[in-house]
Amino acid sequence: MGICEFGVITKADGSARYITDKSDAICAVYGPIEVKLSKELIDRSSIEVQVYPKSGNTGPPERLVETIIRTTLDSVVLTKYYPRSAISVIVQLKHDFDLSCVLNSVCLALLDAAIPMKTMFSAISVSKSDLDNSCLNDSTMNFVLDRNYKVLTSYSNGIWKEDELKLALTFATKKAESIFEFYKSSIERKLLKEERS
């Protein structure tokens, strides 16, 4: 499933490191914080996202990931509670890129920061080879599902037929169940550790 560490960045309001066999991402959440007058929204907080690769400068791939994260967070974070402020989300990749690992680290960091959300979310990457071992196509479909297993965001790489998408969503839903259980056990361990200290 993965490994989760909370509080890895001590100066952040919340942070989490999520490690899988494919990737490793650290997310820090700051906020709500003050924003410049030009970026201030009267009725809600704005969400700022920055993604940094494991090495080198940020480029178009990181900008795309920032957009996917922002779109997801706009639909789950209760921004109306913090008007005229910002919630800043910063992700640092420590290993190869995997969108689901990044998004899961973001959810865990938001939970650590106690940012109010309508629902938790889990991200799952499904490749065609996950659905058919004989498939040599490396197309990937990424789903972000809420706690009721409804799709919040999706992003595909490659060509998918309608029946393949349905199979991928079924596969993702099953994986999401175990990810939500992982979140629960990780948070329970965190709270138990805090209680003891």
N, C-alpha and C. Protein backbone atom coordinates (compact mmCIF):
# COMPACT_ATOMS: atom_id res chain seq x y z
N MET A 1 0.83 -1.19 0.00
CA MET A 1 0.00 0.00 0.00
C MET A 1 0.87 1.25 0.00
N GLY A 2 1.71 1.39 1.00
CA GLY A 2 2.57 2.56 1.08
C GLY A 2 2.99 2.82 2.50
N ILE A 3 3.80 3.84 2.65
CA ILE A 3 4.26 4.27 3.96
C ILE A 3 3.91 5.75 4.09
N CYS A 4 3.43 6.13 5.26
CA CYS A 4 3.07 7.52 5.50
C CYS A 4 3.78 8.03 6.74
N GLU A 5 4.35 9.23 6.62
CA GLU A 5 4.95 9.91 7.77
C GLU A 5 4.32 11.30 7.85
N PHE A 6 3.80 11.65 9.03
CA PHE A 6 3.24 12.98 9.24
C PHE A 6 4.27 13.89 9.89
N GLY A 7 4.11 15.19 9.71
CA GLY A 7 4.96 16.16 10.38
C GLY A 7 6.40 16.16 9.95
N VAL A 8 6.67 15.81 8.70
CA VAL A 8 8.05 15.74 8.23
C VAL A 8 8.67 17.12 8.00
N ILE A 9 7.83 18.13 7.84
CA ILE A 9 8.31 19.50 7.72
C ILE A 9 7.76 20.26 8.92
N THR A 10 8.63 20.52 9.87
CA THR A 10 8.19 21.03 11.17
C THR A 10 7.59 22.43 11.13
N LYS A 11 8.01 23.28 10.21
CA LYS A 11 7.50 24.65 10.17
C LYS A 11 6.19 24.77 9.39
N ALA A 12 5.75 23.71 8.76
CA ALA A 12 4.49 23.73 8.02
C ALA A 12 3.32 23.54 8.99
N ASP A 13 2.13 23.99 8.59
CA ASP A 13 0.94 23.75 9.40
C ASP A 13 0.53 22.29 9.35
N GLY A 14 0.89 21.62 8.28
CA GLY A 14 0.67 20.19 8.14
C GLY A 14 1.57 19.67 7.04
N SER A 15 2.05 18.46 7.21
CA SER A 15 2.90 17.87 6.17
C SER A 15 2.81 16.36 6.22
N ALA A 16 3.08 15.75 5.09
CA ALA A 16 3.06 14.30 5.01
C ALA A 16 4.00 13.83 3.91
N ARG A 17 4.62 12.71 4.17
CA ARG A 17 5.43 12.04 3.16
C ARG A 17 4.73 10.72 2.85
N TYR A 18 4.47 10.50 1.57
CA TYR A 18 3.80 9.27 1.14
C TYR A 18 4.74 8.53 0.20
N ILE A 19 5.06 7.32 0.58
CA ILE A 19 6.02 6.52 -0.18
C ILE A 19 5.33 5.26 -0.69
N THR A 20 5.46 5.01 -1.99
CA THR A 20 4.96 3.76 -2.58
C THR A 20 6.14 3.08 -3.26
N ASP A 21 5.88 1.92 -3.83
CA ASP A 21 6.95 1.22 -4.54
C ASP A 21 7.33 1.96 -5.83
N LYS A 22 6.46 2.87 -6.31
CA LYS A 22 6.73 3.60 -7.54
C LYS A 22 7.27 5.00 -7.32
N SER A 23 6.93 5.62 -6.19
CA SER A 23 7.26 7.03 -6.02
C SER A 23 7.37 7.42 -4.55
N ASP A 24 7.75 8.66 -4.33
CA ASP A 24 7.95 9.21 -3.00
C ASP A 24 7.70 10.71 -3.09
N ALA A 25 6.71 11.21 -2.36
CA ALA A 25 6.38 12.63 -2.42
C ALA A 25 6.20 13.19 -1.01
N ILE A 26 6.68 14.41 -0.82
CA ILE A 26 6.49 15.13 0.43
C ILE A 26 5.61 16.33 0.12
N CYS A 27 4.57 16.52 0.94
CA CYS A 27 3.69 17.67 0.76
C CYS A 27 3.65 18.48 2.05
N ALA A 28 3.74 19.79 1.91
CA ALA A 28 3.60 20.71 3.04
C ALA A 28 2.41 21.63 2.77
N VAL A 29 1.63 21.87 3.81
CA VAL A 29 0.47 22.76 3.70
C VAL A 29 0.67 23.91 4.68
N TYR A 30 0.49 25.12 4.18
CA TYR A 30 0.57 26.32 4.99
C TYR A 30 -0.76 27.05 4.88
N GLY A 31 -1.33 27.38 6.00
CA GLY A 31 -2.53 28.18 5.89
C GLY A 31 -3.59 27.84 6.90
N PRO A 32 -4.58 28.69 6.87
CA PRO A 32 -4.73 29.84 5.99
C PRO A 32 -3.71 30.94 6.32
N ILE A 33 -3.20 31.57 5.26
CA ILE A 33 -2.19 32.62 5.40
C ILE A 33 -2.67 33.88 4.67
N GLU A 34 -2.04 35.01 5.00
CA GLU A 34 -2.37 36.26 4.32
C GLU A 34 -1.92 36.21 2.86
N VAL A 35 -2.67 36.92 2.02
CA VAL A 35 -2.31 36.99 0.60
C VAL A 35 -2.20 38.46 0.19
N LYS A 36 -1.54 38.67 -0.94
CA LYS A 36 -1.46 40.02 -1.51
C LYS A 36 -2.87 40.45 -1.89
N LEU A 37 -3.10 41.73 -1.82
CA LEU A 37 -4.41 42.29 -2.13
C LEU A 37 -4.88 41.88 -3.52
N SER A 38 -3.96 41.78 -4.48
CA SER A 38 -4.33 41.42 -5.85
C SER A 38 -4.81 39.98 -5.98
N LYS A 39 -4.42 39.11 -5.04
CA LYS A 39 -4.83 37.70 -5.10
C LYS A 39 -5.95 37.38 -4.11
N GLU A 40 -6.40 38.38 -3.38
CA GLU A 40 -7.41 38.18 -2.35
C GLU A 40 -8.78 37.92 -2.96
N LEU A 41 -9.47 36.92 -2.45
CA LEU A 41 -10.84 36.62 -2.85
C LEU A 41 -11.75 36.96 -1.66
N ILE A 42 -12.78 37.74 -1.91
CA ILE A 42 -13.62 38.25 -0.82
C ILE A 42 -14.40 37.14 -0.12
N ASP A 43 -14.89 36.16 -0.87
CA ASP A 43 -15.79 35.16 -0.30
C ASP A 43 -15.14 33.82 0.05
N ARG A 44 -13.87 33.65 -0.25
CA ARG A 44 -13.23 32.36 0.04
C ARG A 44 -11.71 32.52 0.01
N SER A 45 -11.04 31.48 0.43
CA SER A 45 -9.58 31.49 0.33
C SER A 45 -9.16 30.98 -1.04
N SER A 46 -8.02 31.42 -1.48
CA SER A 46 -7.47 30.90 -2.73
C SER A 46 -6.55 29.72 -2.39
N ILE A 47 -6.36 28.87 -3.36
CA ILE A 47 -5.49 27.71 -3.18
C ILE A 47 -4.30 27.87 -4.11
N GLU A 48 -3.12 27.92 -3.50
CA GLU A 48 -1.88 28.05 -4.26
C GLU A 48 -1.16 26.71 -4.23
N VAL A 49 -0.71 26.26 -5.39
CA VAL A 49 -0.04 24.95 -5.48
C VAL A 49 1.29 25.11 -6.20
N GLN A 50 2.32 24.50 -5.64
CA GLN A 50 3.64 24.46 -6.28
C GLN A 50 4.16 23.03 -6.21
N VAL A 51 4.65 22.54 -7.34
CA VAL A 51 5.21 21.19 -7.41
C VAL A 51 6.65 21.30 -7.90
N TYR A 52 7.56 20.64 -7.19
CA TYR A 52 8.98 20.67 -7.55
C TYR A 52 9.44 19.25 -7.90
N PRO A 53 10.15 19.10 -9.02
CA PRO A 53 10.65 17.77 -9.40
C PRO A 53 11.79 17.34 -8.48
N LYS A 54 12.17 16.06 -8.60
CA LYS A 54 13.26 15.57 -7.74
C LYS A 54 14.58 16.26 -8.06
N SER A 55 14.74 16.72 -9.29
CA SER A 55 15.93 17.49 -9.65
C SER A 55 15.60 18.39 -10.83
N GLY A 56 16.35 19.46 -10.96
CA GLY A 56 16.14 20.37 -12.08
C GLY A 56 15.07 21.41 -11.78
N ASN A 57 14.73 22.14 -12.82
CA ASN A 57 13.74 23.21 -12.70
C ASN A 57 12.34 22.69 -12.98
N THR A 58 11.35 23.44 -12.52
CA THR A 58 9.97 23.08 -12.83
C THR A 58 9.69 23.42 -14.29
N GLY A 59 8.80 22.65 -14.88
CA GLY A 59 8.46 22.86 -16.28
C GLY A 59 7.00 22.52 -16.53
N PRO A 60 6.63 22.31 -17.78
CA PRO A 60 5.24 22.00 -18.13
C PRO A 60 4.65 20.79 -17.39
N PRO A 61 5.41 19.69 -17.18
CA PRO A 61 4.81 18.57 -16.44
C PRO A 61 4.38 18.95 -15.02
N GLU A 62 5.20 19.74 -14.35
CA GLU A 62 4.86 20.17 -12.99
C GLU A 62 3.67 21.13 -13.00
N ARG A 63 3.60 21.99 -14.01
CA ARG A 63 2.47 22.92 -14.12
C ARG A 63 1.17 22.16 -14.32
N LEU A 64 1.21 21.09 -15.11
CA LEU A 64 0.02 20.25 -15.31
C LEU A 64 -0.41 19.62 -13.99
N VAL A 65 0.54 19.10 -13.24
CA VAL A 65 0.22 18.48 -11.95
C VAL A 65 -0.35 19.52 -10.99
N GLU A 66 0.20 20.72 -11.00
CA GLU A 66 -0.33 21.80 -10.15
C GLU A 66 -1.79 22.08 -10.49
N THR A 67 -2.12 22.09 -11.78
CA THR A 67 -3.49 22.32 -12.21
C THR A 67 -4.41 21.20 -11.75
N ILE A 68 -3.96 19.96 -11.86
CA ILE A 68 -4.77 18.81 -11.42
C ILE A 68 -5.00 18.89 -9.91
N ILE A 69 -3.97 19.21 -9.14
CA ILE A 69 -4.12 19.33 -7.69
C ILE A 69 -5.09 20.46 -7.35
N ARG A 70 -4.90 21.62 -7.97
CA ARG A 70 -5.75 22.77 -7.69
C ARG A 70 -7.21 22.46 -8.02
N THR A 71 -7.46 21.83 -9.15
CA THR A 71 -8.82 21.46 -9.55
C THR A 71 -9.45 20.53 -8.52
N THR A 72 -8.67 19.56 -8.07
CA THR A 72 -9.17 18.62 -7.06
C THR A 72 -9.47 19.34 -5.76
N LEU A 73 -8.55 20.17 -5.31
CA LEU A 73 -8.73 20.86 -4.03
C LEU A 73 -9.86 21.88 -4.07
N ASP A 74 -10.07 22.51 -5.21
CA ASP A 74 -11.19 23.45 -5.34
C ASP A 74 -12.52 22.76 -5.09
N SER A 75 -12.60 21.46 -5.38
CA SER A 75 -13.86 20.75 -5.19
C SER A 75 -14.02 20.13 -3.80
N VAL A 76 -12.94 20.05 -3.01
CA VAL A 76 -13.07 19.41 -1.69
C VAL A 76 -12.78 20.32 -0.50
N VAL A 77 -11.88 21.27 -0.64
CA VAL A 77 -11.52 22.13 0.50
C VAL A 77 -12.63 23.15 0.73
N LEU A 78 -13.02 23.32 1.99
CA LEU A 78 -14.06 24.28 2.35
C LEU A 78 -13.44 25.67 2.48
N THR A 79 -13.20 26.28 1.34
CA THR A 79 -12.50 27.57 1.29
C THR A 79 -13.33 28.72 1.83
N LYS A 80 -14.64 28.55 1.91
CA LYS A 80 -15.50 29.65 2.39
C LYS A 80 -15.25 29.98 3.86
N TYR A 81 -14.62 29.08 4.59
CA TYR A 81 -14.34 29.34 6.01
C TYR A 81 -13.18 30.31 6.21
N TYR A 82 -12.41 30.54 5.18
CA TYR A 82 -11.22 31.40 5.30
C TYR A 82 -11.17 32.44 4.19
N PRO A 83 -12.15 33.36 4.15
CA PRO A 83 -12.11 34.38 3.08
C PRO A 83 -10.89 35.28 3.23
N ARG A 84 -10.47 35.82 2.10
CA ARG A 84 -9.35 36.78 2.04
C ARG A 84 -8.04 36.20 2.55
N SER A 85 -7.85 34.93 2.34
CA SER A 85 -6.60 34.27 2.75
C SER A 85 -6.22 33.25 1.67
N ALA A 86 -5.16 32.52 1.93
CA ALA A 86 -4.72 31.48 0.98
C ALA A 86 -4.33 30.23 1.74
N ILE A 87 -4.47 29.13 1.05
CA ILE A 87 -3.95 27.85 1.53
C ILE A 87 -2.88 27.46 0.52
N SER A 88 -1.68 27.32 1.00
CA SER A 88 -0.54 27.03 0.13
C SER A 88 -0.15 25.56 0.25
N VAL A 89 -0.08 24.89 -0.89
CA VAL A 89 0.27 23.47 -0.95
C VAL A 89 1.55 23.34 -1.77
N ILE A 90 2.58 22.77 -1.15
CA ILE A 90 3.87 22.62 -1.82
C ILE A 90 4.26 21.15 -1.82
N VAL A 91 4.57 20.63 -3.00
CA VAL A 91 4.93 19.21 -3.14
C VAL A 91 6.36 19.11 -3.67
N GLN A 92 7.14 18.26 -3.04
CA GLN A 92 8.51 17.96 -3.49
C GLN A 92 8.57 16.48 -3.82
N LEU A 93 8.91 16.17 -5.05
CA LEU A 93 9.09 14.77 -5.44
C LEU A 93 10.47 14.31 -4.99
N LYS A 94 10.53 13.16 -4.37
CA LYS A 94 11.80 12.62 -3.90
C LYS A 94 12.26 11.45 -4.77
N HIS A 95 11.37 10.96 -5.62
CA HIS A 95 11.66 9.79 -6.45
C HIS A 95 10.92 9.98 -7.76
N ASP A 96 10.81 8.96 -8.55
CA ASP A 96 10.11 9.06 -9.83
C ASP A 96 8.69 9.57 -9.64
N PHE A 97 8.18 10.24 -10.66
CA PHE A 97 6.86 10.86 -10.59
C PHE A 97 5.74 9.83 -10.70
N ASP A 98 4.76 9.94 -9.82
CA ASP A 98 3.52 9.16 -9.89
C ASP A 98 2.41 10.07 -9.37
N LEU A 99 1.45 10.40 -10.24
CA LEU A 99 0.40 11.35 -9.89
C LEU A 99 -0.39 10.91 -8.67
N SER A 100 -0.70 9.63 -8.57
CA SER A 100 -1.49 9.17 -7.43
C SER A 100 -0.73 9.34 -6.12
N CYS A 101 0.55 9.10 -6.12
CA CYS A 101 1.37 9.29 -4.92
C CYS A 101 1.36 10.76 -4.50
N VAL A 102 1.49 11.66 -5.46
CA VAL A 102 1.48 13.09 -5.17
C VAL A 102 0.15 13.51 -4.55
N LEU A 103 -0.96 13.11 -5.17
CA LEU A 103 -2.27 13.51 -4.68
C LEU A 103 -2.58 12.91 -3.31
N ASN A 104 -2.15 11.68 -3.07
CA ASN A 104 -2.38 11.08 -1.76
C ASN A 104 -1.56 11.78 -0.68
N SER A 105 -0.35 12.22 -1.03
CA SER A 105 0.45 12.98 -0.05
C SER A 105 -0.23 14.31 0.26
N VAL A 106 -0.87 14.91 -0.74
CA VAL A 106 -1.59 16.17 -0.53
C VAL A 106 -2.76 15.97 0.43
N CYS A 107 -3.55 14.92 0.22
CA CYS A 107 -4.68 14.65 1.10
C CYS A 107 -4.21 14.44 2.54
N LEU A 108 -3.17 13.65 2.71
CA LEU A 108 -2.65 13.38 4.06
C LEU A 108 -2.12 14.65 4.72
N ALA A 109 -1.46 15.51 3.96
CA ALA A 109 -0.95 16.77 4.52
C ALA A 109 -2.10 17.71 4.90
N LEU A 110 -3.15 17.74 4.11
CA LEU A 110 -4.33 18.55 4.46
C LEU A 110 -4.97 18.04 5.74
N LEU A 111 -5.03 16.73 5.89
CA LEU A 111 -5.56 16.15 7.13
C LEU A 111 -4.67 16.52 8.31
N ASP A 112 -3.36 16.47 8.12
CA ASP A 112 -2.42 16.82 9.18
C ASP A 112 -2.55 18.30 9.58
N ALA A 113 -2.85 19.16 8.61
CA ALA A 113 -3.01 20.59 8.87
C ALA A 113 -4.40 20.94 9.40
N ALA A 114 -5.28 19.95 9.45
CA ALA A 114 -6.67 20.14 9.90
C ALA A 114 -7.42 21.15 9.04
N ILE A 115 -7.14 21.13 7.75
CA ILE A 115 -7.87 21.98 6.80
C ILE A 115 -9.23 21.32 6.57
N PRO A 116 -10.34 22.05 6.79
CA PRO A 116 -11.65 21.42 6.61
C PRO A 116 -11.93 21.08 5.15
N MET A 117 -12.41 19.85 4.95
CA MET A 117 -12.73 19.37 3.60
C MET A 117 -14.13 18.77 3.61
N LYS A 118 -14.79 18.82 2.46
CA LYS A 118 -16.09 18.18 2.31
C LYS A 118 -15.95 16.67 2.43
N THR A 119 -14.84 16.17 1.92
CA THR A 119 -14.59 14.74 1.91
C THR A 119 -13.09 14.50 1.74
N MET A 120 -12.65 13.35 2.20
CA MET A 120 -11.28 12.94 1.88
C MET A 120 -11.28 12.46 0.43
N PHE A 121 -10.11 12.33 -0.13
CA PHE A 121 -10.01 11.80 -1.49
C PHE A 121 -8.82 10.87 -1.58
N SER A 122 -8.91 9.96 -2.52
CA SER A 122 -7.76 9.08 -2.79
C SER A 122 -7.52 9.06 -4.29
N ALA A 123 -6.26 8.95 -4.64
CA ALA A 123 -5.88 8.94 -6.05
C ALA A 123 -5.33 7.57 -6.41
N ILE A 124 -5.72 7.09 -7.57
CA ILE A 124 -5.31 5.77 -8.03
C ILE A 124 -4.89 5.87 -9.48
N SER A 125 -3.73 5.32 -9.79
CA SER A 125 -3.27 5.23 -11.18
C SER A 125 -3.51 3.81 -11.66
N VAL A 126 -4.15 3.69 -12.80
CA VAL A 126 -4.44 2.38 -13.38
C VAL A 126 -3.82 2.33 -14.76
N SER A 127 -3.00 1.32 -14.99
CA SER A 127 -2.43 1.15 -16.33
C SER A 127 -3.18 0.03 -17.04
N LYS A 128 -3.07 0.00 -18.34
CA LYS A 128 -3.75 -1.07 -19.09
C LYS A 128 -3.22 -2.43 -18.70
N SER A 129 -1.95 -2.50 -18.31
CA SER A 129 -1.38 -3.79 -17.88
C SER A 129 -1.96 -4.25 -16.54
N ASP A 130 -2.49 -3.32 -15.71
CA ASP A 130 -3.18 -3.71 -14.48
C ASP A 130 -4.46 -4.48 -14.80
N LEU A 131 -5.08 -4.13 -15.92
CA LEU A 131 -6.34 -4.74 -16.31
C LEU A 131 -6.14 -5.99 -17.15
N ASP A 132 -5.03 -6.04 -17.87
CA ASP A 132 -4.74 -7.17 -18.75
C ASP A 132 -3.23 -7.38 -18.77
N ASN A 133 -2.77 -8.46 -18.14
CA ASN A 133 -1.33 -8.73 -18.03
C ASN A 133 -0.64 -8.88 -19.38
N SER A 134 -1.40 -9.30 -20.39
CA SER A 134 -0.79 -9.50 -21.71
C SER A 134 -0.67 -8.20 -22.50
N CYS A 135 -1.24 -7.12 -21.97
CA CYS A 135 -1.22 -5.83 -22.67
C CYS A 135 0.17 -5.20 -22.56
N LEU A 136 0.70 -4.76 -23.68
CA LEU A 136 2.01 -4.11 -23.71
C LEU A 136 1.89 -2.59 -23.75
N ASN A 137 0.66 -2.10 -23.87
CA ASN A 137 0.41 -0.67 -23.93
C ASN A 137 0.62 -0.06 -22.54
N ASP A 138 1.34 1.05 -22.47
CA ASP A 138 1.62 1.65 -21.16
C ASP A 138 0.71 2.84 -20.83
N SER A 139 -0.46 2.90 -21.45
CA SER A 139 -1.41 3.97 -21.16
C SER A 139 -1.83 3.92 -19.70
N THR A 140 -2.00 5.10 -19.11
CA THR A 140 -2.36 5.20 -17.70
C THR A 140 -3.58 6.09 -17.53
N MET A 141 -4.46 5.68 -16.63
CA MET A 141 -5.64 6.48 -16.27
C MET A 141 -5.53 6.79 -14.79
N ASN A 142 -5.65 8.04 -14.43
CA ASN A 142 -5.58 8.46 -13.03
C ASN A 142 -6.96 8.92 -12.58
N PHE A 143 -7.42 8.38 -11.47
CA PHE A 143 -8.70 8.77 -10.89
C PHE A 143 -8.47 9.36 -9.51
N VAL A 144 -9.22 10.40 -9.19
CA VAL A 144 -9.28 10.90 -7.82
C VAL A 144 -10.72 10.69 -7.38
N LEU A 145 -10.90 9.85 -6.37
CA LEU A 145 -12.23 9.48 -5.90
C LEU A 145 -12.48 10.05 -4.51
N ASP A 146 -13.73 10.47 -4.27
CA ASP A 146 -14.07 10.93 -2.93
C ASP A 146 -14.44 9.74 -2.05
N ARG A 147 -14.84 10.01 -0.83
CA ARG A 147 -15.13 8.94 0.14
C ARG A 147 -16.31 8.07 -0.29
N ASN A 148 -17.18 8.61 -1.16
CA ASN A 148 -18.31 7.84 -1.70
C ASN A 148 -17.97 7.20 -3.04
N TYR A 149 -16.70 7.21 -3.40
CA TYR A 149 -16.18 6.61 -4.63
C TYR A 149 -16.71 7.27 -5.90
N LYS A 150 -17.01 8.54 -5.79
CA LYS A 150 -17.39 9.33 -6.97
C LYS A 150 -16.12 10.01 -7.51
N VAL A 151 -16.05 10.13 -8.82
CA VAL A 151 -14.87 10.71 -9.46
C VAL A 151 -14.86 12.23 -9.26
N LEU A 152 -13.79 12.73 -8.66
CA LEU A 152 -13.59 14.17 -8.50
C LEU A 152 -12.79 14.72 -9.67
N THR A 153 -11.75 14.00 -10.04
CA THR A 153 -10.85 14.41 -11.11
C THR A 153 -10.35 13.15 -11.81
N SER A 154 -10.10 13.26 -13.09
CA SER A 154 -9.47 12.15 -13.81
C SER A 154 -8.52 12.73 -14.85
N TYR A 155 -7.50 11.96 -15.15
CA TYR A 155 -6.52 12.38 -16.14
C TYR A 155 -5.98 11.13 -16.82
N SER A 156 -5.97 11.14 -18.14
CA SER A 156 -5.50 9.95 -18.86
C SER A 156 -4.27 10.26 -19.69
N ASN A 157 -3.49 9.24 -19.85
CA ASN A 157 -2.30 9.28 -20.70
C ASN A 157 -2.48 8.14 -21.69
N GLY A 158 -2.69 8.45 -22.93
CA GLY A 158 -2.93 7.41 -23.93
C GLY A 158 -4.40 7.34 -24.31
N ILE A 159 -4.71 6.35 -25.14
CA ILE A 159 -6.07 6.19 -25.65
C ILE A 159 -6.77 5.07 -24.89
N TRP A 160 -7.99 5.36 -24.42
CA TRP A 160 -8.79 4.39 -23.67
C TRP A 160 -10.15 4.26 -24.32
N LYS A 161 -10.61 3.01 -24.50
CA LYS A 161 -11.95 2.77 -25.00
C LYS A 161 -12.92 2.85 -23.82
N GLU A 162 -14.20 3.01 -24.12
CA GLU A 162 -15.20 3.16 -23.06
C GLU A 162 -15.24 1.96 -22.12
N ASP A 163 -15.19 0.74 -22.67
CA ASP A 163 -15.23 -0.45 -21.80
C ASP A 163 -13.97 -0.55 -20.94
N GLU A 164 -12.83 -0.10 -21.47
CA GLU A 164 -11.59 -0.10 -20.68
C GLU A 164 -11.67 0.90 -19.53
N LEU A 165 -12.30 2.05 -19.81
CA LEU A 165 -12.47 3.06 -18.76
C LEU A 165 -13.35 2.53 -17.63
N LYS A 166 -14.41 1.82 -17.99
CA LYS A 166 -15.29 1.26 -16.96
C LYS A 166 -14.54 0.24 -16.11
N LEU A 167 -13.75 -0.61 -16.76
CA LEU A 167 -12.93 -1.58 -16.01
C LEU A 167 -11.92 -0.87 -15.12
N ALA A 168 -11.31 0.17 -15.64
CA ALA A 168 -10.32 0.93 -14.87
C ALA A 168 -10.96 1.58 -13.66
N LEU A 169 -12.16 2.12 -13.81
CA LEU A 169 -12.85 2.75 -12.69
C LEU A 169 -13.23 1.73 -11.62
N THR A 170 -13.64 0.55 -12.04
CA THR A 170 -13.95 -0.52 -11.08
C THR A 170 -12.69 -0.92 -10.32
N PHE A 171 -11.59 -1.07 -11.04
CA PHE A 171 -10.30 -1.40 -10.42
C PHE A 171 -9.90 -0.30 -9.43
N ALA A 172 -10.05 0.96 -9.85
CA ALA A 172 -9.67 2.10 -9.00
C ALA A 172 -10.52 2.16 -7.73
N THR A 173 -11.81 1.86 -7.87
CA THR A 173 -12.70 1.88 -6.70
C THR A 173 -12.27 0.86 -5.66
N LYS A 174 -11.88 -0.32 -6.11
CA LYS A 174 -11.40 -1.35 -5.17
C LYS A 174 -10.11 -0.90 -4.48
N LYS A 175 -9.22 -0.29 -5.24
CA LYS A 175 -7.96 0.21 -4.66
C LYS A 175 -8.23 1.36 -3.69
N ALA A 176 -9.21 2.20 -4.01
CA ALA A 176 -9.53 3.35 -3.16
C ALA A 176 -9.99 2.89 -1.78
N GLU A 177 -10.73 1.79 -1.72
CA GLU A 177 -11.17 1.25 -0.42
C GLU A 177 -9.97 1.00 0.48
N SER A 178 -8.94 0.36 -0.06
CA SER A 178 -7.77 0.07 0.76
C SER A 178 -6.98 1.33 1.08
N ILE A 179 -6.98 2.32 0.19
CA ILE A 179 -6.28 3.58 0.48
C ILE A 179 -6.98 4.33 1.61
N PHE A 180 -8.31 4.36 1.60
CA PHE A 180 -9.03 5.02 2.69
C PHE A 180 -8.79 4.30 4.02
N GLU A 181 -8.71 2.99 4.00
CA GLU A 181 -8.37 2.24 5.22
C GLU A 181 -6.96 2.58 5.68
N PHE A 182 -6.05 2.73 4.72
CA PHE A 182 -4.68 3.12 5.04
C PHE A 182 -4.64 4.50 5.69
N TYR A 183 -5.41 5.45 5.13
CA TYR A 183 -5.51 6.79 5.73
C TYR A 183 -5.95 6.68 7.18
N LYS A 184 -7.02 5.91 7.38
CA LYS A 184 -7.59 5.77 8.73
C LYS A 184 -6.56 5.23 9.71
N SER A 185 -5.89 4.16 9.34
CA SER A 185 -4.90 3.56 10.25
C SER A 185 -3.71 4.49 10.46
N SER A 186 -3.31 5.24 9.43
CA SER A 186 -2.20 6.19 9.56
C SER A 186 -2.56 7.32 10.52
N ILE A 187 -3.77 7.83 10.42
CA ILE A 187 -4.21 8.91 11.31
C ILE A 187 -4.35 8.40 12.74
N GLU A 188 -4.87 7.18 12.89
CA GLU A 188 -4.98 6.60 14.23
C GLU A 188 -3.61 6.46 14.88
N ARG A 189 -2.61 5.99 14.11
CA ARG A 189 -1.24 5.88 14.64
C ARG A 189 -0.69 7.25 15.02
N LYS A 190 -0.95 8.24 14.18
CA LYS A 190 -0.48 9.60 14.45
C LYS A 190 -1.08 10.13 15.76
N LEU A 191 -2.39 9.97 15.93
CA LEU A 191 -3.06 10.46 17.13
C LEU A 191 -2.60 9.72 18.37
N LEU A 192 -2.39 8.42 18.25
CA LEU A 192 -1.89 7.62 19.37
C LEU A 192 -0.50 8.08 19.78
N LYS A 193 0.34 8.36 18.78
CA LYS A 193 1.70 8.84 19.04
C LYS A 193 1.67 10.20 19.74
N GLU A 194 0.78 11.09 19.28
CA GLU A 194 0.65 12.42 19.89
C GLU A 194 0.13 12.32 21.32
N GLU A 195 -0.77 11.38 21.55
CA GLU A 195 -1.34 11.18 22.88
C GLU A 195 -0.28 10.73 23.88
N ARG A 196 0.65 9.91 23.42
CA ARG A 196 1.70 9.37 24.28
C ARG A 196 2.78 10.39 24.59
N SER A 197 2.95 11.38 23.71
CA SER A 197 4.04 12.34 23.94
C SER A 197 3.59 13.58 24.68
